[in-house]
PDB file of all heavy atoms in Angstrom:
ATOM      1  N   LEU A   1      76.894 218.664  92.095  1.00  0.00           N
ATOM      2  CA  LEU A   1      76.407 217.543  92.890  1.00  0.00           C
ATOM      3  C   LEU A   1      76.626 217.790  94.380  1.00  0.00           C
ATOM      4  O   LEU A   1      75.818 217.419  95.216  1.00  0.00           O
ATOM      5  CB  LEU A   1      77.075 216.252  92.467  1.00  0.00           C
ATOM      6  CG  LEU A   1      76.633 215.697  91.114  1.00  0.00           C
ATOM      7  CD1 LEU A   1      77.469 214.462  90.731  1.00  0.00           C
ATOM      8  CD2 LEU A   1      75.164 215.343  91.132  1.00  0.00           C
ATOM      9  N   LEU A   2      77.769 218.387  94.701  1.00  0.00           N
ATOM     10  CA  LEU A   2      78.044 218.736  96.107  1.00  0.00           C
ATOM     11  C   LEU A   2      77.005 219.706  96.661  1.00  0.00           C
ATOM     12  O   LEU A   2      76.575 219.587  97.806  1.00  0.00           O
ATOM     13  CB  LEU A   2      79.415 219.299  96.305  1.00  0.00           C
ATOM     14  CG  LEU A   2      80.563 218.340  96.348  1.00  0.00           C
ATOM     15  CD1 LEU A   2      81.906 219.041  96.407  1.00  0.00           C
ATOM     16  CD2 LEU A   2      80.399 217.401  97.508  1.00  0.00           C
ATOM     17  N   GLU A   3      76.580 220.650  95.835  1.00  0.00           N
ATOM     18  CA  GLU A   3      75.557 221.593  96.240  1.00  0.00           C
ATOM     19  C   GLU A   3      74.248 220.825  96.519  1.00  0.00           C
ATOM     20  O   GLU A   3      73.493 221.165  97.422  1.00  0.00           O
ATOM     21  CB  GLU A   3      75.330 222.652  95.165  1.00  0.00           C
ATOM     22  CG  GLU A   3      76.514 223.599  95.007  1.00  0.00           C
ATOM     23  CD  GLU A   3      76.401 224.448  93.753  1.00  0.00           C
ATOM     24  OE1 GLU A   3      75.364 224.443  93.070  1.00  0.00           O
ATOM     25  OE2 GLU A   3      77.373 225.185  93.485  1.00  0.00           O
ATOM     26  N   PHE A   4      73.973 219.798  95.707  1.00  0.00           N
ATOM     27  CA  PHE A   4      72.746 219.021  95.886  1.00  0.00           C
ATOM     28  C   PHE A   4      72.766 218.183  97.144  1.00  0.00           C
ATOM     29  O   PHE A   4      71.733 217.831  97.676  1.00  0.00           O
ATOM     30  CB  PHE A   4      72.536 218.118  94.666  1.00  0.00           C
ATOM     31  CG  PHE A   4      71.358 217.217  94.824  1.00  0.00           C
ATOM     32  CD1 PHE A   4      70.066 217.694  94.670  1.00  0.00           C
ATOM     33  CD2 PHE A   4      71.516 215.869  95.131  1.00  0.00           C
ATOM     34  CE1 PHE A   4      68.961 216.864  94.843  1.00  0.00           C
ATOM     35  CE2 PHE A   4      70.439 215.036  95.287  1.00  0.00           C
ATOM     36  CZ  PHE A   4      69.146 215.525  95.142  1.00  0.00           C
ATOM     37  N   LYS A   5      73.936 217.857  97.646  1.00  0.00           N
ATOM     38  CA  LYS A   5      74.076 216.972  98.828  1.00  0.00           C
ATOM     39  C   LYS A   5      73.288 217.524 100.011  1.00  0.00           C
ATOM     40  O   LYS A   5      72.668 216.759 100.759  1.00  0.00           O
ATOM     41  CB  LYS A   5      75.532 216.766  99.180  1.00  0.00           C
ATOM     42  CG  LYS A   5      75.731 215.712 100.234  1.00  0.00           C
ATOM     43  CD  LYS A   5      77.179 215.380 100.450  1.00  0.00           C
ATOM     44  CE  LYS A   5      77.312 214.330 101.529  1.00  0.00           C
ATOM     45  NZ  LYS A   5      78.669 213.994 101.852  1.00  0.00           N
ATOM     46  N   VAL A   6      73.288 218.809 100.203  1.00  0.00           N
ATOM     47  CA  VAL A   6      72.545 219.410 101.300  1.00  0.00           C
ATOM     48  C   VAL A   6      71.057 219.126 101.143  1.00  0.00           C
ATOM     49  O   VAL A   6      70.362 218.725 102.058  1.00  0.00           O
ATOM     50  CB  VAL A   6      72.753 220.951 101.351  1.00  0.00           C
ATOM     51  CG1 VAL A   6      71.840 221.617 102.347  1.00  0.00           C
ATOM     52  CG2 VAL A   6      74.196 221.271 101.641  1.00  0.00           C
ATOM     53  N   GLN A   7      70.573 219.244  99.914  1.00  0.00           N
ATOM     54  CA  GLN A   7      69.159 218.963  99.620  1.00  0.00           C
ATOM     55  C   GLN A   7      68.866 217.478  99.830  1.00  0.00           C
ATOM     56  O   GLN A   7      67.814 217.106 100.419  1.00  0.00           O
ATOM     57  CB  GLN A   7      68.859 219.364  98.186  1.00  0.00           C
ATOM     58  CG  GLN A   7      67.420 219.283  97.797  1.00  0.00           C
ATOM     59  CD  GLN A   7      67.211 219.809  96.390  1.00  0.00           C
ATOM     60  OE1 GLN A   7      68.056 220.502  95.811  1.00  0.00           O
ATOM     61  NE2 GLN A   7      66.074 219.442  95.811  1.00  0.00           N
ATOM     62  N   ALA A   8      69.744 216.623  99.413  1.00  0.00           N
ATOM     63  CA  ALA A   8      69.539 215.159  99.606  1.00  0.00           C
ATOM     64  C   ALA A   8      69.516 214.810 101.081  1.00  0.00           C
ATOM     65  O   ALA A   8      68.689 214.001 101.527  1.00  0.00           O
ATOM     66  CB  ALA A   8      70.649 214.407  98.889  1.00  0.00           C
ATOM     67  N   ASP A   9      70.388 215.432 101.851  1.00  0.00           N
ATOM     68  CA  ASP A   9      70.387 215.227 103.318  1.00  0.00           C
ATOM     69  C   ASP A   9      69.054 215.655 103.915  1.00  0.00           C
ATOM     70  O   ASP A   9      68.525 214.979 104.781  1.00  0.00           O
ATOM     71  CB  ASP A   9      71.550 215.959 103.970  1.00  0.00           C
ATOM     72  CG  ASP A   9      72.882 215.325 103.711  1.00  0.00           C
ATOM     73  OD1 ASP A   9      72.909 214.186 103.263  1.00  0.00           O
ATOM     74  OD2 ASP A   9      73.909 215.999 103.942  1.00  0.00           O
ATOM     75  N   ASP A  10      68.558 216.787 103.453  1.00  0.00           N
ATOM     76  CA  ASP A  10      67.289 217.286 103.950  1.00  0.00           C
ATOM     77  C   ASP A  10      66.146 216.262 103.718  1.00  0.00           C
ATOM     78  O   ASP A  10      65.361 215.988 104.598  1.00  0.00           O
ATOM     79  CB  ASP A  10      66.952 218.641 103.304  1.00  0.00           C
ATOM     80  CG  ASP A  10      65.653 219.220 103.825  1.00  0.00           C
ATOM     81  OD1 ASP A  10      65.468 219.253 105.071  1.00  0.00           O
ATOM     82  OD2 ASP A  10      64.857 219.681 102.991  1.00  0.00           O
ATOM     83  N   VAL A  11      66.100 215.752 102.515  1.00  0.00           N
ATOM     84  CA  VAL A  11      65.062 214.767 102.174  1.00  0.00           C
ATOM     85  C   VAL A  11      65.173 213.522 103.049  1.00  0.00           C
ATOM     86  O   VAL A  11      64.178 213.021 103.550  1.00  0.00           O
ATOM     87  CB  VAL A  11      65.129 214.372 100.693  1.00  0.00           C
ATOM     88  CG1 VAL A  11      64.253 213.196 100.371  1.00  0.00           C
ATOM     89  CG2 VAL A  11      64.756 215.545  99.822  1.00  0.00           C
ATOM     90  N   MET A  12      66.384 213.060 103.273  1.00  0.00           N
ATOM     91  CA  MET A  12      66.604 211.838 104.063  1.00  0.00           C
ATOM     92  C   MET A  12      66.305 212.046 105.540  1.00  0.00           C
ATOM     93  O   MET A  12      65.799 211.113 106.186  1.00  0.00           O
ATOM     94  CB  MET A  12      68.063 211.366 103.906  1.00  0.00           C
ATOM     95  CG  MET A  12      68.411 210.883 102.534  1.00  0.00           C
ATOM     96  SD  MET A  12      67.486 209.431 102.081  1.00  0.00           S
ATOM     97  CE  MET A  12      68.167 208.229 103.178  1.00  0.00           C
ATOM     98  N   HIS A  13      66.556 213.195 106.058  1.00  0.00           N
ATOM     99  CA  HIS A  13      66.435 213.414 107.505  1.00  0.00           C
ATOM    100  C   HIS A  13      65.134 214.087 107.958  1.00  0.00           C
ATOM    101  O   HIS A  13      64.883 214.184 109.145  1.00  0.00           O
ATOM    102  CB  HIS A  13      67.638 214.206 108.020  1.00  0.00           C
ATOM    103  CG  HIS A  13      68.927 213.456 107.827  1.00  0.00           C
ATOM    104  ND1 HIS A  13      69.243 212.307 108.516  1.00  0.00           N
ATOM    105  CD2 HIS A  13      69.933 213.659 106.952  1.00  0.00           C
ATOM    106  CE1 HIS A  13      70.437 211.861 108.125  1.00  0.00           C
ATOM    107  NE2 HIS A  13      70.861 212.674 107.154  1.00  0.00           N
ATOM    108  N   ARG A  14      64.340 214.529 107.035  1.00  0.00           N
ATOM    109  CA  ARG A  14      63.085 215.177 107.384  1.00  0.00           C
ATOM    110  C   ARG A  14      61.887 214.299 107.015  1.00  0.00           C
ATOM    111  O   ARG A  14      60.835 214.801 106.683  1.00  0.00           O
ATOM    112  CB  ARG A  14      62.958 216.489 106.637  1.00  0.00           C
ATOM    113  CG  ARG A  14      63.225 217.673 107.514  1.00  0.00           C
ATOM    114  CD  ARG A  14      62.602 218.845 106.879  1.00  0.00           C
ATOM    115  NE  ARG A  14      63.672 219.785 106.601  1.00  0.00           N
ATOM    116  CZ  ARG A  14      63.470 221.066 106.462  1.00  0.00           C
ATOM    117  NH1 ARG A  14      62.263 221.570 106.493  1.00  0.00           N
ATOM    118  NH2 ARG A  14      64.475 221.878 106.254  1.00  0.00           N
ATOM    119  N   HIS A  15      62.037 213.035 107.084  1.00  0.00           N
ATOM    120  CA  HIS A  15      60.968 212.121 106.640  1.00  0.00           C
ATOM    121  C   HIS A  15      59.822 212.024 107.649  1.00  0.00           C
ATOM    122  O   HIS A  15      58.752 211.515 107.304  1.00  0.00           O
ATOM    123  CB  HIS A  15      61.540 210.751 106.335  1.00  0.00           C
ATOM    124  CG  HIS A  15      62.163 210.072 107.522  1.00  0.00           C
ATOM    125  ND1 HIS A  15      63.421 210.355 107.962  1.00  0.00           N
ATOM    126  CD2 HIS A  15      61.671 209.145 108.389  1.00  0.00           C
ATOM    127  CE1 HIS A  15      63.697 209.603 109.024  1.00  0.00           C
ATOM    128  NE2 HIS A  15      62.634 208.879 109.295  1.00  0.00           N
ATOM    129  N   ILE A  16      60.003 212.472 108.863  1.00  0.00           N
ATOM    130  CA  ILE A  16      58.918 212.409 109.840  1.00  0.00           C
ATOM    131  C   ILE A  16      58.314 213.798 109.953  1.00  0.00           C
ATOM    132  O   ILE A  16      58.862 214.703 110.569  1.00  0.00           O
ATOM    133  CB  ILE A  16      59.438 211.942 111.209  1.00  0.00           C
ATOM    134  CG1 ILE A  16      60.080 210.595 111.104  1.00  0.00           C
ATOM    135  CG2 ILE A  16      58.294 211.942 112.235  1.00  0.00           C
ATOM    136  CD1 ILE A  16      60.748 210.116 112.355  1.00  0.00           C
ATOM    137  N   ARG A  17      57.164 213.957 109.331  1.00  0.00           N
ATOM    138  CA  ARG A  17      56.445 215.218 109.403  1.00  0.00           C
ATOM    139  C   ARG A  17      54.989 214.947 109.024  1.00  0.00           C
ATOM    140  O   ARG A  17      54.669 213.924 108.433  1.00  0.00           O
ATOM    141  CB  ARG A  17      57.049 216.279 108.495  1.00  0.00           C
ATOM    142  CG  ARG A  17      57.031 215.884 107.041  1.00  0.00           C
ATOM    143  CD  ARG A  17      57.595 217.001 106.176  1.00  0.00           C
ATOM    144  NE  ARG A  17      58.341 216.411 105.084  1.00  0.00           N
ATOM    145  CZ  ARG A  17      59.475 216.856 104.642  1.00  0.00           C
ATOM    146  NH1 ARG A  17      60.034 217.936 105.128  1.00  0.00           N
ATOM    147  NH2 ARG A  17      60.085 216.253 103.653  1.00  0.00           N
ATOM    148  N   THR A  18      54.147 215.895 109.351  1.00  0.00           N
ATOM    149  CA  THR A  18      52.732 215.719 109.083  1.00  0.00           C
ATOM    150  C   THR A  18      52.371 216.283 107.710  1.00  0.00           C
ATOM    151  O   THR A  18      51.392 215.852 107.112  1.00  0.00           O
ATOM    152  CB  THR A  18      51.859 216.361 110.158  1.00  0.00           C
ATOM    153  OG1 THR A  18      52.219 217.719 110.256  1.00  0.00           O
ATOM    154  CG2 THR A  18      52.080 215.669 111.492  1.00  0.00           C
ATOM    155  N   SER A  19      53.124 217.212 107.224  1.00  0.00           N
ATOM    156  CA  SER A  19      52.815 217.825 105.927  1.00  0.00           C
ATOM    157  C   SER A  19      53.627 217.139 104.814  1.00  0.00           C
ATOM    158  O   SER A  19      54.655 216.515 105.073  1.00  0.00           O
ATOM    159  CB  SER A  19      53.146 219.326 105.929  1.00  0.00           C
ATOM    160  OG  SER A  19      54.509 219.543 106.123  1.00  0.00           O
ATOM    161  N   ARG A  20      53.150 217.254 103.618  1.00  0.00           N
ATOM    162  CA  ARG A  20      53.825 216.650 102.466  1.00  0.00           C
ATOM    163  C   ARG A  20      55.120 217.380 102.150  1.00  0.00           C
ATOM    164  O   ARG A  20      55.209 218.609 102.243  1.00  0.00           O
ATOM    165  CB  ARG A  20      52.874 216.718 101.281  1.00  0.00           C
ATOM    166  CG  ARG A  20      53.417 216.075 100.045  1.00  0.00           C
ATOM    167  CD  ARG A  20      52.397 216.146  98.941  1.00  0.00           C
ATOM    168  NE  ARG A  20      53.063 215.727  97.711  1.00  0.00           N
ATOM    169  CZ  ARG A  20      52.461 215.473  96.607  1.00  0.00           C
ATOM    170  NH1 ARG A  20      51.161 215.600  96.522  1.00  0.00           N
ATOM    171  NH2 ARG A  20      53.134 215.126  95.551  1.00  0.00           N
ATOM    172  N   GLY A  21      56.176 216.630 101.744  1.00  0.00           N
ATOM    173  CA  GLY A  21      57.425 217.236 101.400  1.00  0.00           C
ATOM    174  C   GLY A  21      57.342 218.071 100.149  1.00  0.00           C
ATOM    175  O   GLY A  21      56.504 217.822  99.289  1.00  0.00           O
ATOM    176  N   MET A  22      58.173 219.074 100.041  1.00  0.00           N
ATOM    177  CA  MET A  22      58.154 219.986  98.903  1.00  0.00           C
ATOM    178  C   MET A  22      59.164 219.602  97.819  1.00  0.00           C
ATOM    179  O   MET A  22      59.120 220.104  96.723  1.00  0.00           O
ATOM    180  CB  MET A  22      58.415 221.413  99.373  1.00  0.00           C
ATOM    181  CG  MET A  22      57.381 221.949 100.359  1.00  0.00           C
ATOM    182  SD  MET A  22      55.711 221.958  99.674  1.00  0.00           S
ATOM    183  CE  MET A  22      55.850 223.204  98.423  1.00  0.00           C
ATOM    184  N   ILE A  23      60.131 218.748  98.145  1.00  0.00           N
ATOM    185  CA  ILE A  23      61.147 218.378  97.183  1.00  0.00           C
ATOM    186  C   ILE A  23      60.634 217.184  96.371  1.00  0.00           C
ATOM    187  O   ILE A  23      60.188 216.192  96.918  1.00  0.00           O
ATOM    188  CB  ILE A  23      62.480 218.050  97.893  1.00  0.00           C
ATOM    189  CG1 ILE A  23      62.973 219.303  98.620  1.00  0.00           C
ATOM    190  CG2 ILE A  23      63.505 217.548  96.903  1.00  0.00           C
ATOM    191  CD1 ILE A  23      64.167 219.053  99.494  1.00  0.00           C
ATOM    192  N   THR A  24      60.723 217.293  95.045  1.00  0.00           N
ATOM    193  CA  THR A  24      60.222 216.220  94.189  1.00  0.00           C
ATOM    194  C   THR A  24      61.331 215.699  93.295  1.00  0.00           C
ATOM    195  O   THR A  24      62.463 216.224  93.294  1.00  0.00           O
ATOM    196  CB  THR A  24      59.090 216.759  93.288  1.00  0.00           C
ATOM    197  OG1 THR A  24      59.646 217.679  92.334  1.00  0.00           O
ATOM    198  CG2 THR A  24      58.003 217.443  94.090  1.00  0.00           C
ATOM    199  N   MET A  25      60.990 214.732  92.464  1.00  0.00           N
ATOM    200  CA  MET A  25      61.984 214.197  91.505  1.00  0.00           C
ATOM    201  C   MET A  25      62.479 215.266  90.522  1.00  0.00           C
ATOM    202  O   MET A  25      63.552 215.184  89.998  1.00  0.00           O
ATOM    203  CB  MET A  25      61.378 213.040  90.726  1.00  0.00           C
ATOM    204  CG  MET A  25      61.089 211.813  91.602  1.00  0.00           C
ATOM    205  SD  MET A  25      62.585 211.111  92.308  1.00  0.00           S
ATOM    206  CE  MET A  25      63.315 210.343  90.861  1.00  0.00           C
ATOM    207  N   HIS A  26      61.668 216.293  90.321  1.00  0.00           N
ATOM    208  CA  HIS A  26      62.060 217.366  89.410  1.00  0.00           C
ATOM    209  C   HIS A  26      63.181 218.232  89.982  1.00  0.00           C
ATOM    210  O   HIS A  26      63.799 218.996  89.255  1.00  0.00           O
ATOM    211  CB  HIS A  26      60.853 218.238  89.048  1.00  0.00           C
ATOM    212  CG  HIS A  26      59.760 217.487  88.370  1.00  0.00           C
ATOM    213  ND1 HIS A  26      59.862 217.017  87.077  1.00  0.00           N
ATOM    214  CD2 HIS A  26      58.559 217.085  88.826  1.00  0.00           C
ATOM    215  CE1 HIS A  26      58.770 216.360  86.759  1.00  0.00           C
ATOM    216  NE2 HIS A  26      57.956 216.380  87.800  1.00  0.00           N
ATOM    217  N   ASP A  27      63.465 218.051  91.273  1.00  0.00           N
ATOM    218  CA  ASP A  27      64.500 218.838  91.927  1.00  0.00           C
ATOM    219  C   ASP A  27      65.868 218.163  91.871  1.00  0.00           C
ATOM    220  O   ASP A  27      66.845 218.716  92.330  1.00  0.00           O
ATOM    221  CB  ASP A  27      64.141 219.093  93.400  1.00  0.00           C
ATOM    222  CG  ASP A  27      62.863 219.931  93.512  1.00  0.00           C
ATOM    223  OD1 ASP A  27      62.777 220.958  92.793  1.00  0.00           O
ATOM    224  OD2 ASP A  27      62.017 219.572  94.328  1.00  0.00           O
ATOM    225  N   LEU A  28      65.909 216.972  91.291  1.00  0.00           N
ATOM    226  CA  LEU A  28      67.198 216.251  91.188  1.00  0.00           C
ATOM    227  C   LEU A  28      68.144 216.994  90.266  1.00  0.00           C
ATOM    228  O   LEU A  28      67.679 217.679  89.357  1.00  0.00           O
ATOM    229  CB  LEU A  28      66.973 214.833  90.668  1.00  0.00           C
ATOM    230  CG  LEU A  28      66.316 213.883  91.614  1.00  0.00           C
ATOM    231  CD1 LEU A  28      66.008 212.555  90.873  1.00  0.00           C
ATOM    232  CD2 LEU A  28      67.166 213.630  92.828  1.00  0.00           C
ATOM    233  N   PRO A  29      69.433 216.835  90.465  1.00  0.00           N
ATOM    234  CA  PRO A  29      70.392 217.493  89.581  1.00  0.00           C
ATOM    235  C   PRO A  29      70.311 216.907  88.190  1.00  0.00           C
ATOM    236  O   PRO A  29      69.856 215.788  87.978  1.00  0.00           O
ATOM    237  CB  PRO A  29      71.755 217.226  90.234  1.00  0.00           C
ATOM    238  CG  PRO A  29      71.537 216.132  91.185  1.00  0.00           C
ATOM    239  CD  PRO A  29      70.091 216.086  91.510  1.00  0.00           C
ATOM    240  N   ASN A  30      70.838 217.637  87.255  1.00  0.00           N
ATOM    241  CA  ASN A  30      70.910 217.186  85.851  1.00  0.00           C
ATOM    242  C   ASN A  30      71.603 215.830  85.754  1.00  0.00           C
ATOM    243  O   ASN A  30      72.649 215.621  86.374  1.00  0.00           O
ATOM    244  CB  ASN A  30      71.688 218.283  85.063  1.00  0.00           C
ATOM    245  CG  ASN A  30      71.809 217.989  83.637  1.00  0.00           C
ATOM    246  OD1 ASN A  30      72.323 216.959  83.229  1.00  0.00           O
ATOM    247  ND2 ASN A  30      71.326 218.901  82.815  1.00  0.00           N
ATOM    248  N   SER A  31      71.073 214.937  84.926  1.00  0.00           N
ATOM    249  CA  SER A  31      71.654 213.605  84.829  1.00  0.00           C
ATOM    250  C   SER A  31      73.053 213.635  84.260  1.00  0.00           C
ATOM    251  O   SER A  31      73.868 212.698  84.511  1.00  0.00           O
ATOM    252  CB  SER A  31      70.773 212.684  83.990  1.00  0.00           C
ATOM    253  OG  SER A  31      70.627 213.176  82.655  1.00  0.00           O
ATOM    254  N   GLY A  32      73.409 214.652  83.505  1.00  0.00           N
ATOM    255  CA  GLY A  32      74.762 214.759  82.972  1.00  0.00           C
ATOM    256  C   GLY A  32      75.814 214.862  84.095  1.00  0.00           C
ATOM    257  O   GLY A  32      76.920 214.341  83.982  1.00  0.00           O
ATOM    258  N   TYR A  33      75.440 215.517  85.204  1.00  0.00           N
ATOM    259  CA  TYR A  33      76.354 215.654  86.333  1.00  0.00           C
ATOM    260  C   TYR A  33      76.593 214.266  86.938  1.00  0.00           C
ATOM    261  O   TYR A  33      77.749 213.907  87.268  1.00  0.00           O
ATOM    262  CB  TYR A  33      75.757 216.508  87.432  1.00  0.00           C
ATOM    263  CG  TYR A  33      75.295 217.888  87.043  1.00  0.00           C
ATOM    264  CD1 TYR A  33      74.420 218.607  87.856  1.00  0.00           C
ATOM    265  CD2 TYR A  33      75.692 218.492  85.863  1.00  0.00           C
ATOM    266  CE1 TYR A  33      73.994 219.869  87.509  1.00  0.00           C
ATOM    267  CE2 TYR A  33      75.266 219.771  85.520  1.00  0.00           C
ATOM    268  CZ  TYR A  33      74.408 220.441  86.346  1.00  0.00           C
ATOM    269  OH  TYR A  33      73.997 221.700  86.020  1.00  0.00           O
ATOM    270  N   ILE A  34      75.554 213.494  87.053  1.00  0.00           N
ATOM    271  CA  ILE A  34      75.670 212.156  87.631  1.00  0.00           C
ATOM    272  C   ILE A  34      76.482 211.245  86.710  1.00  0.00           C
ATOM    273  O   ILE A  34      77.374 210.508  87.161  1.00  0.00           O
ATOM    274  CB  ILE A  34      74.260 211.546  87.860  1.00  0.00           C
ATOM    275  CG1 ILE A  34      73.483 212.487  88.813  1.00  0.00           C
ATOM    276  CG2 ILE A  34      74.354 210.136  88.394  1.00  0.00           C
ATOM    277  CD1 ILE A  34      71.994 212.248  88.777  1.00  0.00           C
ATOM    278  N   HIS A  35      76.227 211.323  85.410  1.00  0.00           N
ATOM    279  CA  HIS A  35      76.949 210.496  84.462  1.00  0.00           C
ATOM    280  C   HIS A  35      78.452 210.812  84.440  1.00  0.00           C
ATOM    281  O   HIS A  35      79.281 209.906  84.388  1.00  0.00           O
ATOM    282  CB  HIS A  35      76.409 210.659  83.054  1.00  0.00           C
ATOM    283  CG  HIS A  35      75.005 210.146  82.926  1.00  0.00           C
ATOM    284  ND1 HIS A  35      74.208 210.432  81.831  1.00  0.00           N
ATOM    285  CD2 HIS A  35      74.258 209.340  83.728  1.00  0.00           C
ATOM    286  CE1 HIS A  35      73.025 209.872  82.001  1.00  0.00           C
ATOM    287  NE2 HIS A  35      73.026 209.195  83.132  1.00  0.00           N
ATOM    288  N   ALA A  36      78.806 212.086  84.593  1.00  0.00           N
ATOM    289  CA  ALA A  36      80.217 212.469  84.625  1.00  0.00           C
ATOM    290  C   ALA A  36      80.873 211.861  85.854  1.00  0.00           C
ATOM    291  O   ALA A  36      82.020 211.314  85.754  1.00  0.00           O
ATOM    292  CB  ALA A  36      80.347 213.983  84.627  1.00  0.00           C
TER     293      ALA A  36
END
């Protein structure tokens, strides 16, 4: 999950752009990590 934090920060802070973002819901970490 800590490794994913960098990716989450990128999504949150790169919201102003003209092209479509490349990170999708399929890029989220495994739900087991979150549940733990």
